[in-house]
Amino acid sequence: MSELVSRGQILVTGASRGIGAAIAQDLVARGYDVACLSRSGDAPVGYGLVCDVGDPVSIKTAVDAASARGPIVGLVNCAGAHAMASALELKIADFESMMRVNAGSVLMVSQAAHPHLVANGGGTVVNIGSFFDKLGVPDNTAYCASKAAVGAITRCLSVEWASDGIAVVNVAPGYIETDLNRDFLSRDKVRAWMQKRIPVGRPGDVREIARLVGALFAERIAFLTGETIYIDGAQGMNH
């Protein structure tokens, strides 16, 4: 186990369920201390902190509380929301709300974590985007725009913070089976569509996303920064 693993902790937003919970579990299995940030404060592993990622005061309070427990060596921005509406019916307030939760939170939590990462000599930030960032998806204008913004934020932070020893990477999943969508994905019509549309013939597993994120921290490849890594079973490039 590396020295980095044995002496620091990683913050994970949206860690109470789904992909965030799986990421937290993988990181703990690799030997990291994990602070799980969520509205509920629930923690599948590690310890939980109540945090509203849309509120900069709540964010600072949670990050400072984590820092008081030990050095912070990494951050996973996984918190997010999804809602559907046609472009004609999409209300600007709903658009702005999704942009704040999905994209604004990435910037705000990263800003709050930055001085703590610098104090520890640098670290890694992994943002969880979506392969929708490059697709035209009906009824998903707000969601697609917010995830495209995550990629843009990743690129900008990677350039600005490289001299601080901080690598920033965007992991962009395709369809991933979680507790929230398992019933929907199990429908015969949906399953048949996925088998035809996704080259690997199935949705992804949360543990596959978690393994990729965990590997980014464990390997600590400093020269890998600013990139978006798609993990979608080749669906995004399927013609």
C-alpha atoms as a PDB file:
ATOM      1  CA  MET A   1       0.000   0.000   0.000  1.00  0.00           C
ATOM      2  CA  SER A   2       1.405   3.398  -0.974  1.00  0.00           C
ATOM      3  CA  GLU A   3       2.195   6.184   1.457  1.00  0.00           C
ATOM      4  CA  LEU A   4      -0.574   8.281  -0.115  1.00  0.00           C
ATOM      5  CA  VAL A   5      -3.186   5.655   0.710  1.00  0.00           C
ATOM      6  CA  SER A   6      -2.094   5.305   4.329  1.00  0.00           C
ATOM      7  CA  ARG A   7      -2.061   8.985   5.291  1.00  0.00           C
ATOM      8  CA  GLY A   8      -5.053  10.797   3.845  1.00  0.00           C
ATOM      9  CA  GLN A   9      -8.741  10.879   3.151  1.00  0.00           C
ATOM     10  CA  ILE A  10     -10.930  11.385   0.102  1.00  0.00           C
ATOM     11  CA  LEU A  11     -14.161  13.366   0.060  1.00  0.00           C
ATOM     12  CA  VAL A  12     -17.037  11.856  -1.932  1.00  0.00           C
ATOM     13  CA  THR A  13     -20.182  13.891  -2.590  1.00  0.00           C
ATOM     14  CA  GLY A  14     -23.462  12.104  -3.243  1.00  0.00           C
ATOM     15  CA  ALA A  15     -22.031   9.106  -1.407  1.00  0.00           C
ATOM     16  CA  SER A  16     -25.183   7.925   0.356  1.00  0.00           C
ATOM     17  CA  ARG A  17     -26.389   5.762  -2.554  1.00  0.00           C
ATOM     18  CA  GLY A  18     -25.854   4.619  -6.133  1.00  0.00           C
ATOM     19  CA  ILE A  19     -22.575   5.317  -7.889  1.00  0.00           C
ATOM     20  CA  GLY A  20     -21.329   7.533  -5.055  1.00  0.00           C
ATOM     21  CA  ALA A  21     -21.825   4.792  -2.469  1.00  0.00           C
ATOM     22  CA  ALA A  22     -20.034   2.251  -4.672  1.00  0.00           C
ATOM     23  CA  ILE A  23     -17.111   4.640  -5.129  1.00  0.00           C
ATOM     24  CA  ALA A  24     -16.854   5.201  -1.383  1.00  0.00           C
ATOM     25  CA  GLN A  25     -16.850   1.437  -0.783  1.00  0.00           C
ATOM     26  CA  ASP A  26     -14.127   0.851  -3.376  1.00  0.00           C
ATOM     27  CA  LEU A  27     -11.916   3.581  -1.922  1.00  0.00           C
ATOM     28  CA  VAL A  28     -12.263   2.217   1.610  1.00  0.00           C
ATOM     29  CA  ALA A  29     -11.357  -1.248   0.311  1.00  0.00           C
ATOM     30  CA  ARG A  30      -8.188   0.277  -1.140  1.00  0.00           C
ATOM     31  CA  GLY A  31      -7.241   1.666   2.257  1.00  0.00           C
ATOM     32  CA  TYR A  32      -8.400   5.270   2.012  1.00  0.00           C
ATOM     33  CA  ASP A  33     -10.281   7.125   4.714  1.00  0.00           C
ATOM     34  CA  VAL A  34     -13.517   8.351   3.115  1.00  0.00           C
ATOM     35  CA  ALA A  35     -15.760  11.253   4.097  1.00  0.00           C
ATOM     36  CA  CYS A  36     -19.230  10.724   2.600  1.00  0.00           C
ATOM     37  CA  LEU A  37     -20.953  14.045   1.897  1.00  0.00           C
ATOM     38  CA  SER A  38     -24.696  14.066   1.238  1.00  0.00           C
ATOM     39  CA  ARG A  39     -27.908  15.820   2.216  1.00  0.00           C
ATOM     40  CA  SER A  40     -28.773  12.976   4.586  1.00  0.00           C
ATOM     41  CA  GLY A  41     -25.302  12.540   6.014  1.00  0.00           C
ATOM     42  CA  ASP A  42     -25.674   8.783   5.565  1.00  0.00           C
ATOM     43  CA  ALA A  43     -22.478   6.834   4.967  1.00  0.00           C
ATOM     44  CA  PRO A  44     -22.314   3.280   3.563  1.00  0.00           C
ATOM     45  CA  VAL A  45     -18.675   3.205   4.704  1.00  0.00           C
ATOM     46  CA  GLY A  46     -16.249   5.673   6.208  1.00  0.00           C
ATOM     47  CA  TYR A  47     -18.084   8.470   7.973  1.00  0.00           C
ATOM     48  CA  GLY A  48     -20.899  10.795   6.930  1.00  0.00           C
ATOM     49  CA  LEU A  49     -21.186  14.568   6.812  1.00  0.00           C
ATOM     50  CA  VAL A  50     -24.343  16.506   6.041  1.00  0.00           C
ATOM     51  CA  CYS A  51     -23.746  18.694   2.986  1.00  0.00           C
ATOM     52  CA  ASP A  52     -25.963  20.564   0.533  1.00  0.00           C
ATOM     53  CA  VAL A  53     -23.752  20.818  -2.551  1.00  0.00           C
ATOM     54  CA  GLY A  54     -25.798  23.755  -3.806  1.00  0.00           C
ATOM     55  CA  ASP A  55     -24.940  25.849  -0.756  1.00  0.00           C
ATOM     56  CA  PRO A  56     -21.376  27.205  -0.460  1.00  0.00           C
ATOM     57  CA  VAL A  57     -21.713  27.674   3.314  1.00  0.00           C
ATOM     58  CA  SER A  58     -22.802  24.050   3.792  1.00  0.00           C
ATOM     59  CA  ILE A  59     -19.955  22.923   1.548  1.00  0.00           C
ATOM     60  CA  LYS A  60     -17.300  24.856   3.472  1.00  0.00           C
ATOM     61  CA  THR A  61     -18.623  23.583   6.791  1.00  0.00           C
ATOM     62  CA  ALA A  62     -18.458  19.965   5.639  1.00  0.00           C
ATOM     63  CA  VAL A  63     -15.025  20.250   4.008  1.00  0.00           C
ATOM     64  CA  ASP A  64     -13.560  22.011   7.035  1.00  0.00           C
ATOM     65  CA  ALA A  65     -15.013  19.311   9.314  1.00  0.00           C
ATOM     66  CA  ALA A  66     -13.369  16.623   7.196  1.00  0.00           C
ATOM     67  CA  SER A  67     -10.066  18.485   7.216  1.00  0.00           C
ATOM     68  CA  ALA A  68     -10.140  18.571  11.001  1.00  0.00           C
ATOM     69  CA  ARG A  69     -10.057  14.762  10.986  1.00  0.00           C
ATOM     70  CA  GLY A  70      -6.952  14.503   8.815  1.00  0.00           C
ATOM     71  CA  PRO A  71      -5.240  15.485   5.550  1.00  0.00           C
ATOM     72  CA  ILE A  72      -7.393  15.533   2.409  1.00  0.00           C
ATOM     73  CA  VAL A  73      -5.712  13.927  -0.601  1.00  0.00           C
ATOM     74  CA  GLY A  74      -8.631  13.702  -3.009  1.00  0.00           C
ATOM     75  CA  LEU A  75     -12.176  14.599  -3.969  1.00  0.00           C
ATOM     76  CA  VAL A  76     -14.908  12.847  -5.952  1.00  0.00           C
ATOM     77  CA  ASN A  77     -17.711  15.110  -7.165  1.00  0.00           C
ATOM     78  CA  CYS A  78     -20.532  12.603  -7.641  1.00  0.00           C
ATOM     79  CA  ALA A  79     -23.621  14.431  -6.362  1.00  0.00           C
ATOM     80  CA  GLY A  80     -26.137  15.249  -9.053  1.00  0.00           C
ATOM     81  CA  ALA A  81     -29.736  15.268 -10.211  1.00  0.00           C
ATOM     82  CA  HIS A  82     -31.698  14.277 -13.300  1.00  0.00           C
ATOM     83  CA  ALA A  83     -35.046  15.503 -14.589  1.00  0.00           C
ATOM     84  CA  MET A  84     -36.637  15.474 -18.027  1.00  0.00           C
ATOM     85  CA  ALA A  85     -38.504  18.174 -19.941  1.00  0.00           C
ATOM     86  CA  SER A  86     -38.794  19.099 -23.603  1.00  0.00           C
ATOM     87  CA  ALA A  87     -36.769  22.108 -24.705  1.00  0.00           C
ATOM     88  CA  LEU A  88     -39.955  24.077 -25.390  1.00  0.00           C
ATOM     89  CA  GLU A  89     -41.427  23.339 -21.972  1.00  0.00           C
ATOM     90  CA  LEU A  90     -38.193  23.616 -19.945  1.00  0.00           C
ATOM     91  CA  LYS A  91     -38.479  26.427 -17.411  1.00  0.00           C
ATOM     92  CA  ILE A  92     -35.392  28.574 -16.996  1.00  0.00           C
ATOM     93  CA  ALA A  93     -35.610  28.160 -13.218  1.00  0.00           C
ATOM     94  CA  ASP A  94     -35.452  24.373 -13.607  1.00  0.00           C
ATOM     95  CA  PHE A  95     -32.563  24.710 -16.072  1.00  0.00           C
ATOM     96  CA  GLU A  96     -30.628  26.921 -13.654  1.00  0.00           C
ATOM     97  CA  SER A  97     -31.361  24.562 -10.754  1.00  0.00           C
ATOM     98  CA  MET A  98     -29.924  21.578 -12.605  1.00  0.00           C
ATOM     99  CA  MET A  99     -26.886  23.558 -13.696  1.00  0.00           C
ATOM    100  CA  ARG A 100     -26.241  24.551 -10.070  1.00  0.00           C
ATOM    101  CA  VAL A 101     -26.584  21.022  -8.682  1.00  0.00           C
ATOM    102  CA  ASN A 102     -24.748  19.164 -11.460  1.00  0.00           C
ATOM    103  CA  ALA A 103     -22.132  21.699 -12.532  1.00  0.00           C
ATOM    104  CA  GLY A 104     -22.024  24.516 -10.010  1.00  0.00           C
ATOM    105  CA  SER A 105     -21.494  22.047  -7.184  1.00  0.00           C
ATOM    106  CA  VAL A 106     -18.442  20.614  -8.949  1.00  0.00           C
ATOM    107  CA  LEU A 107     -16.843  24.042  -8.984  1.00  0.00           C
ATOM    108  CA  MET A 108     -17.900  25.019  -5.454  1.00  0.00           C
ATOM    109  CA  VAL A 109     -16.794  21.795  -3.747  1.00  0.00           C
ATOM    110  CA  SER A 110     -13.534  21.804  -5.707  1.00  0.00           C
ATOM    111  CA  GLN A 111     -12.890  25.392  -4.640  1.00  0.00           C
ATOM    112  CA  ALA A 112     -13.488  24.460  -1.006  1.00  0.00           C
ATOM    113  CA  ALA A 113     -11.209  21.418  -1.224  1.00  0.00           C
ATOM    114  CA  HIS A 114      -8.413  23.198  -3.107  1.00  0.00           C
ATOM    115  CA  PRO A 115      -6.538  24.769  -0.152  1.00  0.00           C
ATOM    116  CA  HIS A 116      -6.645  21.473   1.743  1.00  0.00           C
ATOM    117  CA  LEU A 117      -5.238  19.575  -1.233  1.00  0.00           C
ATOM    118  CA  VAL A 118      -2.510  22.191  -1.675  1.00  0.00           C
ATOM    119  CA  ALA A 119      -1.640  21.942   2.025  1.00  0.00           C
ATOM    120  CA  ASN A 120      -1.041  18.231   1.517  1.00  0.00           C
ATOM    121  CA  GLY A 121       1.190  18.762  -1.521  1.00  0.00           C
ATOM    122  CA  GLY A 122      -1.501  18.213  -4.173  1.00  0.00           C
ATOM    123  CA  GLY A 123      -3.944  15.442  -4.969  1.00  0.00           C
ATOM    124  CA  THR A 124      -6.606  14.222  -7.373  1.00  0.00           C
ATOM    125  CA  VAL A 125     -10.102  15.452  -8.164  1.00  0.00           C
ATOM    126  CA  VAL A 126     -12.439  13.108 -10.036  1.00  0.00           C
ATOM    127  CA  ASN A 127     -15.673  14.540 -11.390  1.00  0.00           C
ATOM    128  CA  ILE A 128     -18.542  12.257 -12.398  1.00  0.00           C
ATOM    129  CA  GLY A 129     -20.022  13.480 -15.661  1.00  0.00           C
ATOM    130  CA  SER A 130     -22.048  11.581 -18.257  1.00  0.00           C
ATOM    131  CA  PHE A 131     -21.749  10.414 -21.847  1.00  0.00           C
ATOM    132  CA  PHE A 132     -24.830  12.593 -22.438  1.00  0.00           C
ATOM    133  CA  ASP A 133     -22.342  15.486 -22.546  1.00  0.00           C
ATOM    134  CA  LYS A 134     -21.686  14.721 -26.236  1.00  0.00           C
ATOM    135  CA  LEU A 135     -25.130  13.481 -27.295  1.00  0.00           C
ATOM    136  CA  GLY A 136     -28.344  15.138 -28.422  1.00  0.00           C
ATOM    137  CA  VAL A 137     -30.953  13.548 -26.159  1.00  0.00           C
ATOM    138  CA  PRO A 138     -34.639  14.504 -26.392  1.00  0.00           C
ATOM    139  CA  ASP A 139     -36.109  15.979 -23.203  1.00  0.00           C
ATOM    140  CA  ASN A 140     -32.648  16.257 -21.636  1.00  0.00           C
ATOM    141  CA  THR A 141     -31.451  19.741 -22.574  1.00  0.00           C
ATOM    142  CA  ALA A 142     -30.729  20.793 -18.989  1.00  0.00           C
ATOM    143  CA  TYR A 143     -29.062  17.526 -18.008  1.00  0.00           C
ATOM    144  CA  CYS A 144     -26.905  17.330 -21.139  1.00  0.00           C
ATOM    145  CA  ALA A 145     -25.838  20.960 -20.749  1.00  0.00           C
ATOM    146  CA  SER A 146     -24.947  20.469 -17.096  1.00  0.00           C
ATOM    147  CA  LYS A 147     -22.803  17.414 -17.842  1.00  0.00           C
ATOM    148  CA  ALA A 148     -21.081  19.170 -20.728  1.00  0.00           C
ATOM    149  CA  ALA A 149     -20.249  21.910 -18.246  1.00  0.00           C
ATOM    150  CA  VAL A 150     -18.653  19.325 -15.935  1.00  0.00           C
ATOM    151  CA  GLY A 151     -16.240  18.427 -18.729  1.00  0.00           C
ATOM    152  CA  ALA A 152     -15.430  22.090 -19.334  1.00  0.00           C
ATOM    153  CA  ILE A 153     -14.871  22.760 -15.626  1.00  0.00           C
ATOM    154  CA  THR A 154     -12.580  19.721 -15.482  1.00  0.00           C
ATOM    155  CA  ARG A 155     -10.445  21.025 -18.330  1.00  0.00           C
ATOM    156  CA  CYS A 156     -10.146  24.514 -16.871  1.00  0.00           C
ATOM    157  CA  LEU A 157      -9.315  23.359 -13.345  1.00  0.00           C
ATOM    158  CA  SER A 158      -6.721  20.932 -14.675  1.00  0.00           C
ATOM    159  CA  VAL A 159      -4.893  23.762 -16.427  1.00  0.00           C
ATOM    160  CA  GLU A 160      -5.131  26.236 -13.550  1.00  0.00           C
ATOM    161  CA  TRP A 161      -4.258  23.776 -10.789  1.00  0.00           C
ATOM    162  CA  ALA A 162      -1.536  21.714 -12.457  1.00  0.00           C
ATOM    163  CA  SER A 163       1.145  23.863 -10.832  1.00  0.00           C
ATOM    164  CA  ASP A 164      -0.434  23.046  -7.457  1.00  0.00           C
ATOM    165  CA  GLY A 165       0.111  19.340  -8.042  1.00  0.00           C
ATOM    166  CA  ILE A 166      -3.622  18.693  -8.496  1.00  0.00           C
ATOM    167  CA  ALA A 167      -4.861  16.409 -11.280  1.00  0.00           C
ATOM    168  CA  VAL A 168      -8.506  16.748 -12.369  1.00  0.00           C
ATOM    169  CA  VAL A 169     -10.271  14.031 -14.382  1.00  0.00           C
ATOM    170  CA  ASN A 170     -13.848  13.665 -15.616  1.00  0.00           C
ATOM    171  CA  VAL A 171     -15.334  10.133 -15.605  1.00  0.00           C
ATOM    172  CA  ALA A 172     -18.378   9.993 -17.891  1.00  0.00           C
ATOM    173  CA  PRO A 173     -20.576   6.879 -17.457  1.00  0.00           C
ATOM    174  CA  GLY A 174     -23.229   5.605 -19.826  1.00  0.00           C
ATOM    175  CA  TYR A 175     -26.317   3.739 -18.605  1.00  0.00           C
ATOM    176  CA  ILE A 176     -25.504   2.335 -15.173  1.00  0.00           C
ATOM    177  CA  GLU A 177     -27.819   0.099 -13.179  1.00  0.00           C
ATOM    178  CA  THR A 178     -28.542   1.409  -9.686  1.00  0.00           C
ATOM    179  CA  ASP A 179     -31.172   0.835  -7.015  1.00  0.00           C
ATOM    180  CA  LEU A 180     -33.110   3.787  -8.412  1.00  0.00           C
ATOM    181  CA  ASN A 181     -33.409   2.539 -12.013  1.00  0.00           C
ATOM    182  CA  ARG A 182     -33.128  -1.245 -11.656  1.00  0.00           C
ATOM    183  CA  ASP A 183     -36.835  -1.890 -12.153  1.00  0.00           C
ATOM    184  CA  PHE A 184     -36.944   0.303 -15.253  1.00  0.00           C
ATOM    185  CA  LEU A 185     -33.864  -1.300 -16.796  1.00  0.00           C
ATOM    186  CA  SER A 186     -35.245  -4.766 -16.138  1.00  0.00           C
ATOM    187  CA  ARG A 187     -38.262  -4.219 -18.404  1.00  0.00           C
ATOM    188  CA  ASP A 188     -38.215  -6.492 -21.440  1.00  0.00           C
ATOM    189  CA  LYS A 189     -38.534  -3.603 -23.904  1.00  0.00           C
ATOM    190  CA  VAL A 190     -35.763  -1.603 -22.270  1.00  0.00           C
ATOM    191  CA  ARG A 191     -33.481  -4.622 -21.952  1.00  0.00           C
ATOM    192  CA  ALA A 192     -33.993  -5.481 -25.641  1.00  0.00           C
ATOM    193  CA  TRP A 193     -33.186  -1.899 -26.615  1.00  0.00           C
ATOM    194  CA  MET A 194     -29.972  -1.913 -24.573  1.00  0.00           C
ATOM    195  CA  GLN A 195     -28.843  -5.223 -26.030  1.00  0.00           C
ATOM    196  CA  LYS A 196     -29.201  -3.701 -29.485  1.00  0.00           C
ATOM    197  CA  ARG A 197     -27.880  -0.217 -28.758  1.00  0.00           C
ATOM    198  CA  ILE A 198     -25.029  -0.896 -26.312  1.00  0.00           C
ATOM    199  CA  PRO A 199     -22.278  -2.945 -27.989  1.00  0.00           C
ATOM    200  CA  VAL A 200     -21.496  -4.873 -24.794  1.00  0.00           C
ATOM    201  CA  GLY A 201     -25.191  -5.728 -24.584  1.00  0.00           C
ATOM    202  CA  ARG A 202     -26.002  -4.476 -21.090  1.00  0.00           C
ATOM    203  CA  PRO A 203     -25.936  -1.471 -18.762  1.00  0.00           C
ATOM    204  CA  GLY A 204     -22.896  -0.898 -16.590  1.00  0.00           C
ATOM    205  CA  ASP A 205     -22.542  -1.895 -12.962  1.00  0.00           C
ATOM    206  CA  VAL A 206     -21.838   0.715 -10.279  1.00  0.00           C
ATOM    207  CA  ARG A 207     -18.830  -1.347  -9.221  1.00  0.00           C
ATOM    208  CA  GLU A 208     -17.271  -0.866 -12.665  1.00  0.00           C
ATOM    209  CA  ILE A 209     -17.439   2.902 -12.279  1.00  0.00           C
ATOM    210  CA  ALA A 210     -16.088   2.589  -8.748  1.00  0.00           C
ATOM    211  CA  ARG A 211     -13.138   0.465  -9.884  1.00  0.00           C
ATOM    212  CA  LEU A 212     -12.167   3.051 -12.492  1.00  0.00           C
ATOM    213  CA  VAL A 213     -12.366   5.909 -10.008  1.00  0.00           C
ATOM    214  CA  GLY A 214     -10.482   3.921  -7.386  1.00  0.00           C
ATOM    215  CA  ALA A 215      -7.745   3.124  -9.880  1.00  0.00           C
ATOM    216  CA  LEU A 216      -7.292   6.807 -10.721  1.00  0.00           C
ATOM    217  CA  PHE A 217      -6.522   7.513  -7.067  1.00  0.00           C
ATOM    218  CA  ALA A 218      -4.480   4.378  -6.399  1.00  0.00           C
ATOM    219  CA  GLU A 219      -2.272   4.779  -9.479  1.00  0.00           C
ATOM    220  CA  ARG A 220      -1.917   8.574  -9.055  1.00  0.00           C
ATOM    221  CA  ILE A 221      -0.834   9.273 -12.637  1.00  0.00           C
ATOM    222  CA  ALA A 222      -0.108  12.992 -12.374  1.00  0.00           C
ATOM    223  CA  PHE A 223       0.330  13.416 -16.145  1.00  0.00           C
ATOM    224  CA  LEU A 224      -3.256  12.250 -16.671  1.00  0.00           C
ATOM    225  CA  THR A 225      -5.285  15.407 -16.118  1.00  0.00           C
ATOM    226  CA  GLY A 226      -8.004  17.386 -17.860  1.00  0.00           C
ATOM    227  CA  GLU A 227      -9.378  14.381 -19.717  1.00  0.00           C
ATOM    228  CA  THR A 228     -12.875  12.949 -19.944  1.00  0.00           C
ATOM    229  CA  ILE A 229     -12.858   9.149 -19.706  1.00  0.00           C
ATOM    230  CA  TYR A 230     -16.017   7.584 -21.148  1.00  0.00           C
ATOM    231  CA  ILE A 231     -17.185   4.304 -19.644  1.00  0.00           C
ATOM    232  CA  ASP A 232     -20.354   3.445 -21.566  1.00  0.00           C
ATOM    233  CA  GLY A 233     -19.881   0.027 -23.150  1.00  0.00           C
ATOM    234  CA  ALA A 234     -19.031   1.833 -26.427  1.00  0.00           C
ATOM    235  CA  GLN A 235     -22.596   3.142 -26.754  1.00  0.00           C
ATOM    236  CA  GLY A 236     -21.555   6.728 -27.335  1.00  0.00           C
ATOM    237  CA  MET A 237     -19.550   5.784 -30.417  1.00  0.00           C
ATOM    238  CA  ASN A 238     -21.947   3.143 -31.733  1.00  0.00           C
ATOM    239  CA  HIS A 239     -23.396   4.074 -35.134  1.00  0.00           C
END
